[in-house]
PDB file of N, CA and C in Angstrom:
ATOM      1  N   MET A   1       5.353  -8.255  22.531  1.00  0.00           N
ATOM      2  CA  MET A   1       5.029  -9.675  22.092  1.00  0.00           C
ATOM      3  C   MET A   1       3.709  -9.142  21.036  1.00  0.00           C
ATOM      4  N   GLU A   2       2.883  -8.262  21.366  1.00  0.00           N
ATOM      5  CA  GLU A   2       1.605  -7.924  20.623  1.00  0.00           C
ATOM      6  C   GLU A   2       2.021  -7.592  19.250  1.00  0.00           C
ATOM      7  N   ARG A   3       3.228  -6.782  19.218  1.00  0.00           N
ATOM      8  CA  ARG A   3       3.834  -6.431  17.781  1.00  0.00           C
ATOM      9  C   ARG A   3       4.262  -7.395  17.011  1.00  0.00           C
ATOM     10  N   ASN A   4       5.003  -8.300  17.542  1.00  0.00           N
ATOM     11  CA  ASN A   4       5.235  -9.671  17.053  1.00  0.00           C
ATOM     12  C   ASN A   4       4.238 -10.385  16.432  1.00  0.00           C
ATOM     13  N   MET A   5       3.118 -10.467  17.208  1.00  0.00           N
ATOM     14  CA  MET A   5       1.732 -11.154  16.609  1.00  0.00           C
ATOM     15  C   MET A   5       1.335 -10.393  15.587  1.00  0.00           C
ATOM     16  N   GLN A   6       1.480  -9.018  15.411  1.00  0.00           N
ATOM     17  CA  GLN A   6       1.039  -8.438  14.070  1.00  0.00           C
ATOM     18  C   GLN A   6       1.964  -8.743  12.939  1.00  0.00           C
ATOM     19  N   TRP A   7       3.291  -8.827  13.248  1.00  0.00           N
ATOM     20  CA  TRP A   7       4.069  -9.153  12.105  1.00  0.00           C
ATOM     21  C   TRP A   7       4.037 -10.438  11.774  1.00  0.00           C
ATOM     22  N   VAL A   8       3.656 -11.344  12.678  1.00  0.00           N
ATOM     23  CA  VAL A   8       3.423 -12.968  12.307  1.00  0.00           C
ATOM     24  C   VAL A   8       2.103 -13.067  11.276  1.00  0.00           C
ATOM     25  N   GLY A   9       1.148 -12.313  11.690  1.00  0.00           N
ATOM     26  CA  GLY A   9      -0.064 -12.142  10.824  1.00  0.00           C
ATOM     27  C   GLY A   9       0.121 -11.503   9.744  1.00  0.00           C
ATOM     28  N   ALA A  10       0.815 -10.462   9.597  1.00  0.00           N
ATOM     29  CA  ALA A  10       1.230  -9.816   8.273  1.00  0.00           C
ATOM     30  C   ALA A  10       2.094 -10.812   7.336  1.00  0.00           C
ATOM     31  N   GLY A  11       2.897 -11.599   7.868  1.00  0.00           N
ATOM     32  CA  GLY A  11       3.872 -12.402   7.185  1.00  0.00           C
ATOM     33  C   GLY A  11       2.993 -13.366   6.656  1.00  0.00           C
ATOM     34  N   LEU A  12       2.231 -13.872   7.455  1.00  0.00           N
ATOM     35  CA  LEU A  12       1.111 -14.997   6.981  1.00  0.00           C
ATOM     36  C   LEU A  12       0.300 -14.794   5.745  1.00  0.00           C
ATOM     37  N   MET A  13      -0.190 -13.443   5.681  1.00  0.00           N
ATOM     38  CA  MET A  13      -1.025 -12.895   4.579  1.00  0.00           C
ATOM     39  C   MET A  13      -0.062 -12.678   3.381  1.00  0.00           C
ATOM     40  N   VAL A  14       1.085 -12.400   3.584  1.00  0.00           N
ATOM     41  CA  VAL A  14       1.995 -11.986   2.376  1.00  0.00           C
ATOM     42  C   VAL A  14       2.321 -13.516   1.721  1.00  0.00           C
ATOM     43  N   VAL A  15       2.547 -14.432   2.552  1.00  0.00           N
ATOM     44  CA  VAL A  15       3.139 -15.608   2.249  1.00  0.00           C
ATOM     45  C   VAL A  15       1.788 -16.300   1.510  1.00  0.00           C
ATOM     46  N   SER A  16       0.526 -16.214   1.982  1.00  0.00           N
ATOM     47  CA  SER A  16      -0.552 -16.767   1.422  1.00  0.00           C
ATOM     48  C   SER A  16      -0.786 -16.063   0.200  1.00  0.00           C
ATOM     49  N   ILE A  17      -0.590 -14.847  -0.084  1.00  0.00           N
ATOM     50  CA  ILE A  17      -0.882 -13.995  -1.141  1.00  0.00           C
ATOM     51  C   ILE A  17       0.119 -14.614  -2.353  1.00  0.00           C
ATOM     52  N   ALA A  18       1.397 -14.851  -1.878  1.00  0.00           N
ATOM     53  CA  ALA A  18       2.384 -15.342  -2.752  1.00  0.00           C
ATOM     54  C   ALA A  18       2.026 -16.693  -3.174  1.00  0.00           C
ATOM     55  N   ILE A  19       1.827 -17.770  -2.329  1.00  0.00           N
ATOM     56  CA  ILE A  19       1.327 -18.997  -2.707  1.00  0.00           C
ATOM     57  C   ILE A  19       0.136 -19.165  -3.794  1.00  0.00           C
ATOM     58  N   ALA A  20      -0.939 -18.022  -3.339  1.00  0.00           N
ATOM     59  CA  ALA A  20      -2.153 -18.027  -4.272  1.00  0.00           C
ATOM     60  C   ALA A  20      -1.759 -17.515  -5.663  1.00  0.00           C
ATOM     61  N   LEU A  21      -0.661 -16.454  -5.720  1.00  0.00           N
ATOM     62  CA  LEU A  21      -0.166 -16.166  -7.008  1.00  0.00           C
ATOM     63  C   LEU A  21       0.436 -17.306  -7.608  1.00  0.00           C
ATOM     64  N   PHE A  22       1.426 -18.020  -7.071  1.00  0.00           N
ATOM     65  CA  PHE A  22       2.330 -19.093  -7.669  1.00  0.00           C
ATOM     66  C   PHE A  22       1.249 -20.206  -8.045  1.00  0.00           C
ATOM     67  N   THR A  23       0.212 -20.626  -7.264  1.00  0.00           N
ATOM     68  CA  THR A  23      -0.673 -21.595  -7.746  1.00  0.00           C
ATOM     69  C   THR A  23      -1.790 -21.171  -8.855  1.00  0.00           C
ATOM     70  N   HIS A  24      -1.765 -19.869  -8.867  1.00  0.00           N
ATOM     71  CA  HIS A  24      -2.656 -19.627 -10.239  1.00  0.00           C
ATOM     72  C   HIS A  24      -2.114 -19.746 -11.220  1.00  0.00           C
ATOM     73  N   SER A  25      -0.642 -19.687 -11.453  1.00  0.00           N
ATOM     74  CA  SER A  25      -0.005 -19.627 -12.631  1.00  0.00           C
ATOM     75  C   SER A  25       0.539 -21.127 -12.682  1.00  0.00           C
ATOM     76  N   LYS A  26       0.695 -22.023 -11.974  1.00  0.00           N
ATOM     77  CA  LYS A  26       0.989 -23.276 -12.120  1.00  0.00           C
ATOM     78  C   LYS A  26      -0.121 -24.335 -11.469  1.00  0.00           C
ATOM     79  N   ASP A  27      -0.192 -25.578 -11.926  1.00  0.00           N
ATOM     80  CA  ASP A  27      -1.138 -26.546 -11.570  1.00  0.00           C
ATOM     81  C   ASP A  27      -0.676 -27.341 -10.295  1.00  0.00           C
ATOM     82  N   THR A  28      -0.813 -26.930  -9.185  1.00  0.00           N
ATOM     83  CA  THR A  28      -0.400 -27.523  -8.035  1.00  0.00           C
ATOM     84  C   THR A  28      -1.429 -28.205  -7.246  1.00  0.00           C
ATOM     85  N   GLY A  29      -1.045 -28.945  -6.373  1.00  0.00           N
ATOM     86  CA  GLY A  29      -2.195 -29.687  -5.488  1.00  0.00           C
ATOM     87  C   GLY A  29      -3.064 -28.950  -4.624  1.00  0.00           C
ATOM     88  N   PRO A  30      -4.206 -29.597  -4.431  1.00  0.00           N
ATOM     89  CA  PRO A  30      -5.214 -28.787  -3.921  1.00  0.00           C
ATOM     90  C   PRO A  30      -4.824 -28.327  -2.246  1.00  0.00           C
ATOM     91  N   GLU A  31      -3.823 -28.997  -1.545  1.00  0.00           N
ATOM     92  CA  GLU A  31      -3.404 -28.642  -0.261  1.00  0.00           C
ATOM     93  C   GLU A  31      -2.716 -27.301  -0.382  1.00  0.00           C
ATOM     94  N   VAL A  32      -2.040 -27.003  -1.445  1.00  0.00           N
ATOM     95  CA  VAL A  32      -1.265 -25.868  -1.399  1.00  0.00           C
ATOM     96  C   VAL A  32      -2.545 -24.443  -1.513  1.00  0.00           C
ATOM     97  N   SER A  33      -3.455 -24.865  -2.510  1.00  0.00           N
ATOM     98  CA  SER A  33      -4.345 -23.780  -2.506  1.00  0.00           C
ATOM     99  C   SER A  33      -5.050 -23.545  -1.278  1.00  0.00           C
ATOM    100  N   GLU A  34      -5.367 -24.651  -0.618  1.00  0.00           N
ATOM    101  CA  GLU A  34      -6.050 -24.587   0.624  1.00  0.00           C
ATOM    102  C   GLU A  34      -5.392 -23.979   1.555  1.00  0.00           C
ATOM    103  N   PHE A  35      -4.165 -24.042   1.759  1.00  0.00           N
ATOM    104  CA  PHE A  35      -3.351 -22.873   2.638  1.00  0.00           C
ATOM    105  C   PHE A  35      -3.542 -21.642   2.191  1.00  0.00           C
ATOM    106  N   ALA A  36      -3.441 -21.302   0.746  1.00  0.00           N
ATOM    107  CA  ALA A  36      -3.665 -19.896   0.425  1.00  0.00           C
ATOM    108  C   ALA A  36      -4.858 -19.292   0.660  1.00  0.00           C
ATOM    109  N   LYS A  37      -6.104 -20.065   0.663  1.00  0.00           N
ATOM    110  CA  LYS A  37      -7.408 -19.644   0.781  1.00  0.00           C
ATOM    111  C   LYS A  37      -7.641 -19.378   2.493  1.00  0.00           C
ATOM    112  N   TRP A  38      -6.909 -19.884   3.410  1.00  0.00           N
ATOM    113  CA  TRP A  38      -7.045 -19.939   4.696  1.00  0.00           C
ATOM    114  C   TRP A  38      -6.084 -19.050   5.319  1.00  0.00           C
ATOM    115  N   GLY A  39      -5.086 -18.633   4.546  1.00  0.00           N
ATOM    116  CA  GLY A  39      -3.807 -17.715   5.214  1.00  0.00           C
ATOM    117  C   GLY A  39      -4.285 -16.536   5.453  1.00  0.00           C
ATOM    118  N   LEU A  40      -5.141 -15.787   4.538  1.00  0.00           N
ATOM    119  CA  LEU A  40      -5.626 -14.275   4.860  1.00  0.00           C
ATOM    120  C   LEU A  40      -6.430 -14.127   5.929  1.00  0.00           C
ATOM    121  N   PRO A  41      -7.407 -14.950   6.034  1.00  0.00           N
ATOM    122  CA  PRO A  41      -8.505 -14.753   7.223  1.00  0.00           C
ATOM    123  C   PRO A  41      -7.634 -15.120   8.569  1.00  0.00           C
ATOM    124  N   VAL A  42      -6.758 -15.989   8.542  1.00  0.00           N
ATOM    125  CA  VAL A  42      -6.110 -16.324   9.773  1.00  0.00           C
ATOM    126  C   VAL A  42      -5.121 -15.247  10.010  1.00  0.00           C
ATOM    127  N   GLY A  43      -4.404 -14.715   9.193  1.00  0.00           N
ATOM    128  CA  GLY A  43      -3.244 -13.759   9.198  1.00  0.00           C
ATOM    129  C   GLY A  43      -4.122 -12.455   9.983  1.00  0.00           C
ATOM    130  N   LEU A  44      -5.263 -12.060   9.393  1.00  0.00           N
ATOM    131  CA  LEU A  44      -5.954 -11.045   9.725  1.00  0.00           C
ATOM    132  C   LEU A  44      -6.620 -11.072  11.257  1.00  0.00           C
ATOM    133  N   MET A  45      -6.876 -12.536  11.679  1.00  0.00           N
ATOM    134  CA  MET A  45      -7.376 -12.762  13.039  1.00  0.00           C
ATOM    135  C   MET A  45      -5.962 -12.695  13.954  1.00  0.00           C
ATOM    136  N   ILE A  46      -4.882 -13.135  13.465  1.00  0.00           N
ATOM    137  CA  ILE A  46      -3.638 -12.965  14.443  1.00  0.00           C
ATOM    138  C   ILE A  46      -3.408 -11.469  14.604  1.00  0.00           C
ATOM    139  N   MET A  47      -3.614 -10.563  13.375  1.00  0.00           N
ATOM    140  CA  MET A  47      -3.177  -9.250  13.517  1.00  0.00           C
ATOM    141  C   MET A  47      -4.059  -8.561  14.523  1.00  0.00           C
ATOM    142  N   GLY A  48      -5.464  -8.948  14.407  1.00  0.00           N
ATOM    143  CA  GLY A  48      -6.481  -8.515  15.296  1.00  0.00           C
ATOM    144  C   GLY A  48      -6.201  -8.621  16.775  1.00  0.00           C
ATOM    145  N   ILE A  49      -5.945 -10.050  16.922  1.00  0.00           N
ATOM    146  CA  ILE A  49      -5.504 -10.138  18.299  1.00  0.00           C
ATOM    147  C   ILE A  49      -4.527  -9.609  18.919  1.00  0.00           C
ATOM    148  N   GLY A  50      -3.329  -9.437  18.243  1.00  0.00           N
ATOM    149  CA  GLY A  50      -2.224  -8.569  18.575  1.00  0.00           C
ATOM    150  C   GLY A  50      -2.523  -7.248  18.810  1.00  0.00           C
ATOM    151  N   ASP A  51      -3.274  -6.567  18.062  1.00  0.00           N
ATOM    152  CA  ASP A  51      -3.736  -5.186  18.175  1.00  0.00           C
ATOM    153  C   ASP A  51      -4.816  -5.060  19.313  1.00  0.00           C
ATOM    154  N   TRP A  52      -5.678  -6.074  19.541  1.00  0.00           N
ATOM    155  CA  TRP A  52      -6.320  -6.011  20.723  1.00  0.00           C
ATOM    156  C   TRP A  52      -5.544  -6.012  22.005  1.00  0.00           C
ATOM    157  N   LEU A  53      -4.709  -6.974  22.115  1.00  0.00           N
ATOM    158  CA  LEU A  53      -3.747  -7.044  23.082  1.00  0.00           C
ATOM    159  C   LEU A  53      -3.064  -5.890  23.470  1.00  0.00           C
ATOM    160  N   GLU A  54      -2.395  -5.171  22.526  1.00  0.00           N
ATOM    161  CA  GLU A  54      -1.494  -4.198  22.558  1.00  0.00           C
ATOM    162  C   GLU A  54      -2.504  -2.964  23.242  1.00  0.00           C
ATOM    163  N   LYS A  55      -3.780  -2.896  22.974  1.00  0.00           N
ATOM    164  CA  LYS A  55      -4.503  -1.843  23.234  1.00  0.00           C
ATOM    165  C   LYS A  55      -4.897  -2.012  24.524  1.00  0.00           C
ATOM    166  N   SER A  56      -5.276  -3.368  24.965  1.00  0.00           N
ATOM    167  CA  SER A  56      -5.563  -3.590  26.278  1.00  0.00           C
ATOM    168  C   SER A  56      -4.557  -3.263  27.229  1.00  0.00           C
ATOM    169  N   GLN A  57      -3.410  -3.294  26.897  1.00  0.00           N
ATOM    170  CA  GLN A  57      -2.281  -3.222  27.961  1.00  0.00           C
ATOM    171  C   GLN A  57      -1.932  -1.713  28.354  1.00  0.00           C
ATOM    172  N   GLN A  58      -2.474  -0.780  27.317  1.00  0.00           N
ATOM    173  CA  GLN A  58      -2.294   0.583  27.673  1.00  0.00           C
ATOM    174  C   GLN A  58      -3.028   1.213  28.743  1.00  0.00           C
TER     175      GLN A  58
END
């Protein structure tokens, strides 16, 4: 499960980077750029929690 959390966090970061690149080239709504702004830190937190859970069970 912990490894899955790390994959979810990494996927969220990749999606937020893709959205940020897409919104930079096109003029889209503010809610899309808001997701891109919060996607990276939330993805890092999810990956960190997954890593912590994995290490705490060893």
